[in-house]
Amino acid sequence: MQTGNDDTDAVDQTTKEFLAARPRLFGIAYRVLGSSAEAEDIVQETWLRWYKADRTNIVAPAAFLTTVTARLAINLAQSARARRESYVGPWLPEPIDTSPDPHVGAERAEAVELAVLFLMEKLNPVERAAYVLREAFDYPYSRIADILETSEANSRQLVSRARRHLAAERRKQVSPAEHRRLLEVFLAAAQTGDLTVLENLLAADVVSYSDGGGVRGASKIPVVGRLRVAKYLAAFAPRFWPQADIRWVEANGRQSALVSVGEEAVALLCIDASAEGIDRIMWMMNPSKLRPYAASLSD
């Protein structure tokens, strides 16, 4: 009798199919939720459902796993929206190190930049999932319709609405080289509190967001406008920068700066920049989001 070996082979195949799909599952869940920790929870729940499922009638394991992941992520995103309304200060997406996988399991590195994830928070979870499945993972509209349990025409409308929203909220971005240059000049000016240089770098409608989660001494409201942001940066420069060490890192597909004091990471600085200048400044200071990112960086 080969029952024992057959069972082992079945378990091995089940695990193999899940592991093959895992990067994509995480990529979908992370983009829908904007949280690495929540995405990992979704992937784990998907594994449990896959392991317990009657797989004899599942002809396309990857399709089954994607569908379960997307629906679980949508459900969690709906409850997360209510939780984030009571969040202390601005909420920013949890950063991830994209240097090992620039696309994070996707066909294209779309919808992974922090600014895009932040703007997608204004979409409803179904619109967000539709946009992610289409723009990052290149799913056909018919497949998106199956996953979201809607019509193909409606799936097109969902993606179209999401595209229009993002286009209205975000200018065309500068090249990676220009992004790096702007960040370098910005950092140097921020450290010295050089108001003139800062004002020249910033777009007129720039917004600075600091996510301290109520734990760090971060601004609890966004700082808006070129002059206000420049003065804000200059005011805290003497207190913030003298003890700081800066490390260049990649976060969500963009060059960023990890700021540490001693052995402790205290902030991740990311910017969003267009031909108008720096449009958004994002300071991730919440330890529960920052520590996992800092720990994930390869030496």
C-alpha atoms as a PDB file:
ATOM      1  CA  MET A   1       0.000   0.000   0.000  1.00  0.00           C
ATOM      2  CA  GLN A   2       1.277   3.470  -0.920  1.00  0.00           C
ATOM      3  CA  THR A   3      -1.237   5.564   1.032  1.00  0.00           C
ATOM      4  CA  GLY A   4       1.396   7.203   3.225  1.00  0.00           C
ATOM      5  CA  ASN A   5       3.559   8.179   0.260  1.00  0.00           C
ATOM      6  CA  ASP A   6       0.511   9.381  -1.659  1.00  0.00           C
ATOM      7  CA  ASP A   7      -0.510  11.626   1.240  1.00  0.00           C
ATOM      8  CA  THR A   8       3.009  13.021   1.511  1.00  0.00           C
ATOM      9  CA  ASP A   9       3.144  13.692  -2.218  1.00  0.00           C
ATOM     10  CA  ALA A  10      -0.216  15.478  -2.045  1.00  0.00           C
ATOM     11  CA  VAL A  11       0.970  17.685   0.826  1.00  0.00           C
ATOM     12  CA  ASP A  12       4.222  18.444  -1.001  1.00  0.00           C
ATOM     13  CA  GLN A  13       2.315  19.404  -4.148  1.00  0.00           C
ATOM     14  CA  THR A  14      -0.096  21.549  -2.119  1.00  0.00           C
ATOM     15  CA  THR A  15       2.818  23.386  -0.519  1.00  0.00           C
ATOM     16  CA  LYS A  16       4.665  23.742  -3.815  1.00  0.00           C
ATOM     17  CA  GLU A  17       1.677  25.313  -5.551  1.00  0.00           C
ATOM     18  CA  PHE A  18       1.144  27.751  -2.693  1.00  0.00           C
ATOM     19  CA  LEU A  19       4.801  28.779  -2.491  1.00  0.00           C
ATOM     20  CA  ALA A  20       4.879  29.382  -6.250  1.00  0.00           C
ATOM     21  CA  ALA A  21       1.957  31.784  -5.922  1.00  0.00           C
ATOM     22  CA  ARG A  22       3.024  33.379  -2.632  1.00  0.00           C
ATOM     23  CA  PRO A  23       4.924  36.439  -3.970  1.00  0.00           C
ATOM     24  CA  ARG A  24       1.927  37.365  -6.100  1.00  0.00           C
ATOM     25  CA  LEU A  25      -0.498  36.829  -3.215  1.00  0.00           C
ATOM     26  CA  PHE A  26       1.533  39.098  -0.946  1.00  0.00           C
ATOM     27  CA  GLY A  27       1.830  41.684  -3.708  1.00  0.00           C
ATOM     28  CA  ILE A  28      -1.931  41.820  -4.197  1.00  0.00           C
ATOM     29  CA  ALA A  29      -2.755  41.964  -0.488  1.00  0.00           C
ATOM     30  CA  TYR A  30      -0.093  44.581   0.256  1.00  0.00           C
ATOM     31  CA  ARG A  31      -1.264  46.910  -2.496  1.00  0.00           C
ATOM     32  CA  VAL A  32      -4.898  46.619  -1.435  1.00  0.00           C
ATOM     33  CA  LEU A  33      -4.123  47.167   2.265  1.00  0.00           C
ATOM     34  CA  GLY A  34      -1.011  49.350   2.331  1.00  0.00           C
ATOM     35  CA  SER A  35       0.255  47.254   5.235  1.00  0.00           C
ATOM     36  CA  SER A  36       2.927  44.573   5.128  1.00  0.00           C
ATOM     37  CA  ALA A  37       1.786  43.080   8.441  1.00  0.00           C
ATOM     38  CA  GLU A  38      -1.861  42.873   7.327  1.00  0.00           C
ATOM     39  CA  ALA A  39      -0.805  41.432   3.963  1.00  0.00           C
ATOM     40  CA  GLU A  40       1.147  38.671   5.711  1.00  0.00           C
ATOM     41  CA  ASP A  41      -1.949  37.857   7.773  1.00  0.00           C
ATOM     42  CA  ILE A  42      -4.010  37.579   4.585  1.00  0.00           C
ATOM     43  CA  VAL A  43      -1.451  35.306   2.948  1.00  0.00           C
ATOM     44  CA  GLN A  44      -1.424  33.071   6.022  1.00  0.00           C
ATOM     45  CA  GLU A  45      -5.225  32.867   6.016  1.00  0.00           C
ATOM     46  CA  THR A  46      -5.156  32.030   2.306  1.00  0.00           C
ATOM     47  CA  TRP A  47      -2.732  29.181   3.022  1.00  0.00           C
ATOM     48  CA  LEU A  48      -5.041  27.759   5.696  1.00  0.00           C
ATOM     49  CA  ARG A  49      -8.021  27.870   3.357  1.00  0.00           C
ATOM     50  CA  TRP A  50      -6.010  26.305   0.556  1.00  0.00           C
ATOM     51  CA  TYR A  51      -4.697  23.542   2.804  1.00  0.00           C
ATOM     52  CA  LYS A  52      -8.169  22.706   4.121  1.00  0.00           C
ATOM     53  CA  ALA A  53      -9.927  22.956   0.736  1.00  0.00           C
ATOM     54  CA  ASP A  54     -11.173  20.010  -1.291  1.00  0.00           C
ATOM     55  CA  ARG A  55      -8.632  20.432  -4.060  1.00  0.00           C
ATOM     56  CA  THR A  56      -9.942  17.613  -6.254  1.00  0.00           C
ATOM     57  CA  ASN A  57     -12.202  20.070  -8.085  1.00  0.00           C
ATOM     58  CA  ILE A  58      -9.733  22.967  -8.234  1.00  0.00           C
ATOM     59  CA  VAL A  59      -8.341  22.911 -11.761  1.00  0.00           C
ATOM     60  CA  ALA A  60      -6.396  26.182 -11.490  1.00  0.00           C
ATOM     61  CA  PRO A  61      -4.686  26.489  -8.091  1.00  0.00           C
ATOM     62  CA  ALA A  62      -3.199  29.924  -8.828  1.00  0.00           C
ATOM     63  CA  ALA A  63      -6.611  31.310  -9.760  1.00  0.00           C
ATOM     64  CA  PHE A  64      -8.158  29.897  -6.586  1.00  0.00           C
ATOM     65  CA  LEU A  65      -5.403  31.370  -4.411  1.00  0.00           C
ATOM     66  CA  THR A  66      -5.601  34.788  -6.086  1.00  0.00           C
ATOM     67  CA  THR A  67      -9.361  34.935  -5.680  1.00  0.00           C
ATOM     68  CA  VAL A  68      -9.241  34.020  -1.997  1.00  0.00           C
ATOM     69  CA  THR A  69      -6.453  36.546  -1.333  1.00  0.00           C
ATOM     70  CA  ALA A  70      -8.169  39.408  -3.158  1.00  0.00           C
ATOM     71  CA  ARG A  71     -11.525  38.845  -1.432  1.00  0.00           C
ATOM     72  CA  LEU A  72      -9.938  38.537   2.018  1.00  0.00           C
ATOM     73  CA  ALA A  73      -7.938  41.722   1.398  1.00  0.00           C
ATOM     74  CA  ILE A  74     -11.055  43.633   0.311  1.00  0.00           C
ATOM     75  CA  ASN A  75     -12.910  42.517   3.444  1.00  0.00           C
ATOM     76  CA  LEU A  76     -10.042  43.565   5.698  1.00  0.00           C
ATOM     77  CA  ALA A  77      -9.627  46.885   3.864  1.00  0.00           C
ATOM     78  CA  GLN A  78     -13.267  47.697   4.538  1.00  0.00           C
ATOM     79  CA  SER A  79     -12.786  47.306   8.294  1.00  0.00           C
ATOM     80  CA  ALA A  80      -9.354  48.969   8.197  1.00  0.00           C
ATOM     81  CA  ARG A  81     -10.860  52.170   6.828  1.00  0.00           C
ATOM     82  CA  ALA A  82     -12.877  52.608  10.001  1.00  0.00           C
ATOM     83  CA  ARG A  83      -9.812  51.929  12.181  1.00  0.00           C
ATOM     84  CA  ARG A  84      -7.721  54.464  10.290  1.00  0.00           C
ATOM     85  CA  GLU A  85     -10.295  57.191  10.880  1.00  0.00           C
ATOM     86  CA  SER A  86      -9.351  57.060  14.577  1.00  0.00           C
ATOM     87  CA  TYR A  87      -5.595  56.863  13.867  1.00  0.00           C
ATOM     88  CA  VAL A  88      -3.567  59.521  15.709  1.00  0.00           C
ATOM     89  CA  GLY A  89      -2.158  61.899  13.099  1.00  0.00           C
ATOM     90  CA  PRO A  90      -1.676  61.209   9.379  1.00  0.00           C
ATOM     91  CA  TRP A  91      -1.730  57.551   8.325  1.00  0.00           C
ATOM     92  CA  LEU A  92       0.929  56.507   5.809  1.00  0.00           C
ATOM     93  CA  PRO A  93       1.338  53.082   4.191  1.00  0.00           C
ATOM     94  CA  GLU A  94       3.805  50.704   5.775  1.00  0.00           C
ATOM     95  CA  PRO A  95       7.046  50.770   3.742  1.00  0.00           C
ATOM     96  CA  ILE A  96       8.666  47.676   2.264  1.00  0.00           C
ATOM     97  CA  ASP A  97      12.128  46.992   0.868  1.00  0.00           C
ATOM     98  CA  THR A  98      11.629  46.426  -2.870  1.00  0.00           C
ATOM     99  CA  SER A  99      15.294  45.901  -3.748  1.00  0.00           C
ATOM    100  CA  PRO A 100      15.010  42.062  -3.780  1.00  0.00           C
ATOM    101  CA  ASP A 101      11.838  42.171  -5.939  1.00  0.00           C
ATOM    102  CA  PRO A 102      11.168  45.551  -7.601  1.00  0.00           C
ATOM    103  CA  HIS A 103       7.760  44.380  -8.800  1.00  0.00           C
ATOM    104  CA  VAL A 104       6.778  42.631  -5.532  1.00  0.00           C
ATOM    105  CA  GLY A 105       5.314  39.596  -7.248  1.00  0.00           C
ATOM    106  CA  ALA A 106       3.632  41.610 -10.008  1.00  0.00           C
ATOM    107  CA  GLU A 107       3.942  41.884 -13.775  1.00  0.00           C
ATOM    108  CA  ARG A 108       4.770  45.570 -13.387  1.00  0.00           C
ATOM    109  CA  ALA A 109       5.952  47.711 -10.487  1.00  0.00           C
ATOM    110  CA  GLU A 110       2.680  49.622 -10.459  1.00  0.00           C
ATOM    111  CA  ALA A 111       0.730  50.703  -7.372  1.00  0.00           C
ATOM    112  CA  VAL A 112       3.629  50.036  -5.027  1.00  0.00           C
ATOM    113  CA  GLU A 113       5.061  53.541  -4.479  1.00  0.00           C
ATOM    114  CA  LEU A 114       4.148  54.983  -1.100  1.00  0.00           C
ATOM    115  CA  ALA A 115       2.505  58.059  -2.618  1.00  0.00           C
ATOM    116  CA  VAL A 116       0.280  55.895  -4.834  1.00  0.00           C
ATOM    117  CA  LEU A 117      -0.688  53.604  -1.949  1.00  0.00           C
ATOM    118  CA  PHE A 118      -1.471  56.693   0.113  1.00  0.00           C
ATOM    119  CA  LEU A 119      -3.675  58.178  -2.607  1.00  0.00           C
ATOM    120  CA  MET A 120      -5.411  54.850  -3.167  1.00  0.00           C
ATOM    121  CA  GLU A 121      -6.699  55.038   0.403  1.00  0.00           C
ATOM    122  CA  LYS A 122      -9.357  57.400  -0.972  1.00  0.00           C
ATOM    123  CA  LEU A 123     -10.655  54.673  -3.287  1.00  0.00           C
ATOM    124  CA  ASN A 124     -13.148  52.170  -1.988  1.00  0.00           C
ATOM    125  CA  PRO A 125     -11.590  48.708  -1.464  1.00  0.00           C
ATOM    126  CA  VAL A 126     -13.222  47.161  -4.539  1.00  0.00           C
ATOM    127  CA  GLU A 127     -11.965  49.976  -6.804  1.00  0.00           C
ATOM    128  CA  ARG A 128      -8.544  49.586  -5.269  1.00  0.00           C
ATOM    129  CA  ALA A 129      -8.474  45.827  -5.847  1.00  0.00           C
ATOM    130  CA  ALA A 130      -9.649  46.217  -9.444  1.00  0.00           C
ATOM    131  CA  TYR A 131      -6.941  48.790 -10.135  1.00  0.00           C
ATOM    132  CA  VAL A 132      -4.232  46.624  -8.544  1.00  0.00           C
ATOM    133  CA  LEU A 133      -5.252  43.489 -10.433  1.00  0.00           C
ATOM    134  CA  ARG A 134      -5.279  45.339 -13.749  1.00  0.00           C
ATOM    135  CA  GLU A 135      -2.395  47.796 -13.503  1.00  0.00           C
ATOM    136  CA  ALA A 136       0.118  45.769 -11.493  1.00  0.00           C
ATOM    137  CA  PHE A 137      -0.801  42.185 -12.364  1.00  0.00           C
ATOM    138  CA  ASP A 138      -2.223  42.670 -15.866  1.00  0.00           C
ATOM    139  CA  TYR A 139      -5.309  40.509 -15.286  1.00  0.00           C
ATOM    140  CA  PRO A 140      -7.877  40.638 -18.094  1.00  0.00           C
ATOM    141  CA  TYR A 141     -11.138  42.367 -17.211  1.00  0.00           C
ATOM    142  CA  SER A 142     -13.031  39.085 -17.450  1.00  0.00           C
ATOM    143  CA  ARG A 143     -10.811  37.564 -14.764  1.00  0.00           C
ATOM    144  CA  ILE A 144     -11.109  40.670 -12.563  1.00  0.00           C
ATOM    145  CA  ALA A 145     -14.883  40.390 -12.883  1.00  0.00           C
ATOM    146  CA  ASP A 146     -14.750  36.764 -11.680  1.00  0.00           C
ATOM    147  CA  ILE A 147     -12.569  37.635  -8.693  1.00  0.00           C
ATOM    148  CA  LEU A 148     -14.720  40.605  -7.674  1.00  0.00           C
ATOM    149  CA  GLU A 149     -18.004  38.841  -8.477  1.00  0.00           C
ATOM    150  CA  THR A 150     -19.157  41.586 -10.812  1.00  0.00           C
ATOM    151  CA  SER A 151     -19.628  42.117 -14.540  1.00  0.00           C
ATOM    152  CA  GLU A 152     -16.797  42.703 -16.973  1.00  0.00           C
ATOM    153  CA  ALA A 153     -18.263  46.117 -17.822  1.00  0.00           C
ATOM    154  CA  ASN A 154     -18.291  47.088 -14.154  1.00  0.00           C
ATOM    155  CA  SER A 155     -14.720  45.907 -13.655  1.00  0.00           C
ATOM    156  CA  ARG A 156     -13.686  48.256 -16.493  1.00  0.00           C
ATOM    157  CA  GLN A 157     -15.531  51.114 -14.813  1.00  0.00           C
ATOM    158  CA  LEU A 158     -13.868  50.395 -11.472  1.00  0.00           C
ATOM    159  CA  VAL A 159     -10.395  50.533 -13.017  1.00  0.00           C
ATOM    160  CA  SER A 160     -11.265  53.644 -15.027  1.00  0.00           C
ATOM    161  CA  ARG A 161     -12.489  55.504 -11.928  1.00  0.00           C
ATOM    162  CA  ALA A 162      -9.336  54.584 -10.038  1.00  0.00           C
ATOM    163  CA  ARG A 163      -7.125  55.788 -12.900  1.00  0.00           C
ATOM    164  CA  ARG A 164      -8.966  59.109 -13.093  1.00  0.00           C
ATOM    165  CA  HIS A 165      -8.651  59.649  -9.351  1.00  0.00           C
ATOM    166  CA  LEU A 166      -4.910  58.994  -9.324  1.00  0.00           C
ATOM    167  CA  ALA A 167      -4.332  61.137 -12.412  1.00  0.00           C
ATOM    168  CA  ALA A 168      -6.184  64.021 -10.781  1.00  0.00           C
ATOM    169  CA  GLU A 169      -4.278  63.707  -7.506  1.00  0.00           C
ATOM    170  CA  ARG A 170      -0.726  63.138  -8.749  1.00  0.00           C
ATOM    171  CA  ARG A 171       1.458  64.915 -11.302  1.00  0.00           C
ATOM    172  CA  LYS A 172       3.803  63.102 -13.662  1.00  0.00           C
ATOM    173  CA  GLN A 173       6.844  62.022 -11.699  1.00  0.00           C
ATOM    174  CA  VAL A 174      10.471  62.922 -12.354  1.00  0.00           C
ATOM    175  CA  SER A 175      13.047  60.323 -13.402  1.00  0.00           C
ATOM    176  CA  PRO A 176      14.731  58.150 -10.739  1.00  0.00           C
ATOM    177  CA  ALA A 177      17.976  60.121 -11.181  1.00  0.00           C
ATOM    178  CA  GLU A 178      16.215  63.459 -10.681  1.00  0.00           C
ATOM    179  CA  HIS A 179      14.305  62.015  -7.736  1.00  0.00           C
ATOM    180  CA  ARG A 180      17.596  61.040  -6.098  1.00  0.00           C
ATOM    181  CA  ARG A 181      19.098  64.486  -6.799  1.00  0.00           C
ATOM    182  CA  LEU A 182      16.120  66.304  -5.299  1.00  0.00           C
ATOM    183  CA  LEU A 183      16.194  64.093  -2.227  1.00  0.00           C
ATOM    184  CA  GLU A 184      19.918  64.698  -1.716  1.00  0.00           C
ATOM    185  CA  VAL A 185      19.561  68.480  -2.023  1.00  0.00           C
ATOM    186  CA  PHE A 186      16.465  68.426   0.178  1.00  0.00           C
ATOM    187  CA  LEU A 187      18.257  66.466   2.903  1.00  0.00           C
ATOM    188  CA  ALA A 188      21.222  68.812   2.903  1.00  0.00           C
ATOM    189  CA  ALA A 189      18.945  71.863   3.137  1.00  0.00           C
ATOM    190  CA  ALA A 190      16.733  70.287   5.787  1.00  0.00           C
ATOM    191  CA  GLN A 191      19.750  69.492   7.962  1.00  0.00           C
ATOM    192  CA  THR A 192      20.996  73.082   7.865  1.00  0.00           C
ATOM    193  CA  GLY A 193      17.539  74.673   7.883  1.00  0.00           C
ATOM    194  CA  ASP A 194      18.299  76.573   4.667  1.00  0.00           C
ATOM    195  CA  LEU A 195      14.968  78.270   3.960  1.00  0.00           C
ATOM    196  CA  THR A 196      15.936  79.621   0.544  1.00  0.00           C
ATOM    197  CA  VAL A 197      17.011  76.250  -0.836  1.00  0.00           C
ATOM    198  CA  LEU A 198      14.005  74.508   0.696  1.00  0.00           C
ATOM    199  CA  GLU A 199      11.574  76.979  -0.848  1.00  0.00           C
ATOM    200  CA  ASN A 200      13.218  76.529  -4.254  1.00  0.00           C
ATOM    201  CA  LEU A 201      12.853  72.738  -4.003  1.00  0.00           C
ATOM    202  CA  LEU A 202       9.238  72.589  -2.892  1.00  0.00           C
ATOM    203  CA  ALA A 203       6.135  72.769  -5.063  1.00  0.00           C
ATOM    204  CA  ALA A 204       3.761  75.593  -4.152  1.00  0.00           C
ATOM    205  CA  ASP A 205       1.170  73.109  -2.842  1.00  0.00           C
ATOM    206  CA  VAL A 206       3.626  70.722  -1.150  1.00  0.00           C
ATOM    207  CA  VAL A 207       2.328  68.694   1.791  1.00  0.00           C
ATOM    208  CA  SER A 208       4.462  67.158   4.545  1.00  0.00           C
ATOM    209  CA  TYR A 209       2.981  64.111   6.306  1.00  0.00           C
ATOM    210  CA  SER A 210       4.453  62.654   9.499  1.00  0.00           C
ATOM    211  CA  ASP A 211       3.197  59.256  10.644  1.00  0.00           C
ATOM    212  CA  GLY A 212       4.137  58.856  14.287  1.00  0.00           C
ATOM    213  CA  GLY A 213       1.133  56.751  15.226  1.00  0.00           C
ATOM    214  CA  GLY A 214       0.721  58.785  18.408  1.00  0.00           C
ATOM    215  CA  VAL A 215       4.004  57.366  19.699  1.00  0.00           C
ATOM    216  CA  ARG A 216       6.666  59.617  18.198  1.00  0.00           C
ATOM    217  CA  GLY A 217       6.688  63.378  18.537  1.00  0.00           C
ATOM    218  CA  ALA A 218       5.493  63.861  14.963  1.00  0.00           C
ATOM    219  CA  SER A 219       3.152  66.550  13.688  1.00  0.00           C
ATOM    220  CA  LYS A 220      -0.428  65.334  14.110  1.00  0.00           C
ATOM    221  CA  ILE A 221      -1.659  67.326  11.121  1.00  0.00           C
ATOM    222  CA  PRO A 222      -0.248  67.627   7.589  1.00  0.00           C
ATOM    223  CA  VAL A 223       1.814  70.764   6.962  1.00  0.00           C
ATOM    224  CA  VAL A 224       0.678  72.416   3.730  1.00  0.00           C
ATOM    225  CA  GLY A 225       2.265  74.993   1.424  1.00  0.00           C
ATOM    226  CA  ARG A 226       5.801  75.920   0.392  1.00  0.00           C
ATOM    227  CA  LEU A 227       6.526  78.556   3.021  1.00  0.00           C
ATOM    228  CA  ARG A 228       4.886  76.691   5.920  1.00  0.00           C
ATOM    229  CA  VAL A 229       6.710  73.450   5.114  1.00  0.00           C
ATOM    230  CA  ALA A 230      10.059  75.210   4.708  1.00  0.00           C
ATOM    231  CA  LYS A 231       9.670  77.013   8.052  1.00  0.00           C
ATOM    232  CA  TYR A 232       8.526  73.786   9.735  1.00  0.00           C
ATOM    233  CA  LEU A 233      11.607  71.927   8.487  1.00  0.00           C
ATOM    234  CA  ALA A 234      13.922  74.756   9.504  1.00  0.00           C
ATOM    235  CA  ALA A 235      12.385  74.942  12.979  1.00  0.00           C
ATOM    236  CA  PHE A 236      13.017  71.346  13.936  1.00  0.00           C
ATOM    237  CA  ALA A 237      16.394  71.000  12.177  1.00  0.00           C
ATOM    238  CA  PRO A 238      18.505  71.862  15.263  1.00  0.00           C
ATOM    239  CA  ARG A 239      16.718  69.263  17.394  1.00  0.00           C
ATOM    240  CA  PHE A 240      16.370  66.444  14.867  1.00  0.00           C
ATOM    241  CA  TRP A 241      19.510  66.226  12.754  1.00  0.00           C
ATOM    242  CA  PRO A 242      22.674  66.711  14.884  1.00  0.00           C
ATOM    243  CA  GLN A 243      22.668  63.151  16.284  1.00  0.00           C
ATOM    244  CA  ALA A 244      21.262  61.511  13.143  1.00  0.00           C
ATOM    245  CA  ASP A 245      22.949  59.066  10.778  1.00  0.00           C
ATOM    246  CA  ILE A 246      21.528  58.786   7.254  1.00  0.00           C
ATOM    247  CA  ARG A 247      21.503  55.639   5.131  1.00  0.00           C
ATOM    248  CA  TRP A 248      20.366  55.544   1.520  1.00  0.00           C
ATOM    249  CA  VAL A 249      17.793  52.802   1.034  1.00  0.00           C
ATOM    250  CA  GLU A 250      15.095  51.702  -1.369  1.00  0.00           C
ATOM    251  CA  ALA A 251      11.508  51.823  -0.197  1.00  0.00           C
ATOM    252  CA  ASN A 252       8.594  50.934  -2.442  1.00  0.00           C
ATOM    253  CA  GLY A 253      10.595  51.332  -5.625  1.00  0.00           C
ATOM    254  CA  ARG A 254      12.015  54.748  -4.780  1.00  0.00           C
ATOM    255  CA  GLN A 255      15.281  55.997  -3.315  1.00  0.00           C
ATOM    256  CA  SER A 256      14.673  57.021   0.293  1.00  0.00           C
ATOM    257  CA  ALA A 257      16.640  57.952   3.398  1.00  0.00           C
ATOM    258  CA  LEU A 258      16.620  55.970   6.630  1.00  0.00           C
ATOM    259  CA  VAL A 259      17.439  58.173   9.604  1.00  0.00           C
ATOM    260  CA  SER A 260      18.879  56.531  12.707  1.00  0.00           C
ATOM    261  CA  VAL A 261      20.101  57.700  16.092  1.00  0.00           C
ATOM    262  CA  GLY A 262      22.590  55.228  17.462  1.00  0.00           C
ATOM    263  CA  GLU A 263      21.278  51.759  16.627  1.00  0.00           C
ATOM    264  CA  GLU A 264      17.645  52.819  16.381  1.00  0.00           C
ATOM    265  CA  ALA A 265      15.865  53.811  13.178  1.00  0.00           C
ATOM    266  CA  VAL A 266      13.788  56.902  13.950  1.00  0.00           C
ATOM    267  CA  ALA A 267      12.446  57.930  10.538  1.00  0.00           C
ATOM    268  CA  LEU A 268      12.177  56.889   6.914  1.00  0.00           C
ATOM    269  CA  LEU A 269      12.071  59.915   4.622  1.00  0.00           C
ATOM    270  CA  CYS A 270      10.379  59.532   1.243  1.00  0.00           C
ATOM    271  CA  ILE A 271       9.448  62.189  -1.285  1.00  0.00           C
ATOM    272  CA  ASP A 272       7.161  62.442  -4.297  1.00  0.00           C
ATOM    273  CA  ALA A 273       8.442  64.858  -6.934  1.00  0.00           C
ATOM    274  CA  SER A 274       7.308  66.278 -10.270  1.00  0.00           C
ATOM    275  CA  ALA A 275       8.423  69.071 -12.594  1.00  0.00           C
ATOM    276  CA  GLU A 276       6.793  71.447 -10.074  1.00  0.00           C
ATOM    277  CA  GLY A 277       9.231  70.327  -7.372  1.00  0.00           C
ATOM    278  CA  ILE A 278       8.729  68.141  -4.319  1.00  0.00           C
ATOM    279  CA  ASP A 279       4.973  67.563  -4.025  1.00  0.00           C
ATOM    280  CA  ARG A 280       4.833  65.313  -0.959  1.00  0.00           C
ATOM    281  CA  ILE A 281       7.190  64.666   1.923  1.00  0.00           C
ATOM    282  CA  MET A 282       6.448  61.503   3.858  1.00  0.00           C
ATOM    283  CA  TRP A 283       8.054  60.844   7.245  1.00  0.00           C
ATOM    284  CA  MET A 284       7.468  57.331   8.547  1.00  0.00           C
ATOM    285  CA  MET A 285       8.197  57.517  12.276  1.00  0.00           C
ATOM    286  CA  ASN A 286       5.741  55.008  13.739  1.00  0.00           C
ATOM    287  CA  PRO A 287       7.967  52.339  15.368  1.00  0.00           C
ATOM    288  CA  SER A 288       5.522  49.514  14.613  1.00  0.00           C
ATOM    289  CA  LYS A 289       5.847  50.237  10.881  1.00  0.00           C
ATOM    290  CA  LEU A 290       9.449  51.434  10.817  1.00  0.00           C
ATOM    291  CA  ARG A 291      11.167  48.644  12.756  1.00  0.00           C
ATOM    292  CA  PRO A 292      10.046  45.786  10.466  1.00  0.00           C
ATOM    293  CA  TYR A 293      11.206  47.763   7.426  1.00  0.00           C
ATOM    294  CA  ALA A 294      14.606  48.548   8.965  1.00  0.00           C
ATOM    295  CA  ALA A 295      15.019  44.910  10.039  1.00  0.00           C
ATOM    296  CA  SER A 296      14.229  43.676   6.515  1.00  0.00           C
ATOM    297  CA  LEU A 297      17.062  45.643   4.866  1.00  0.00           C
ATOM    298  CA  SER A 298      19.930  43.553   3.608  1.00  0.00           C
ATOM    299  CA  ASP A 299      23.377  44.644   4.716  1.00  0.00           C
END
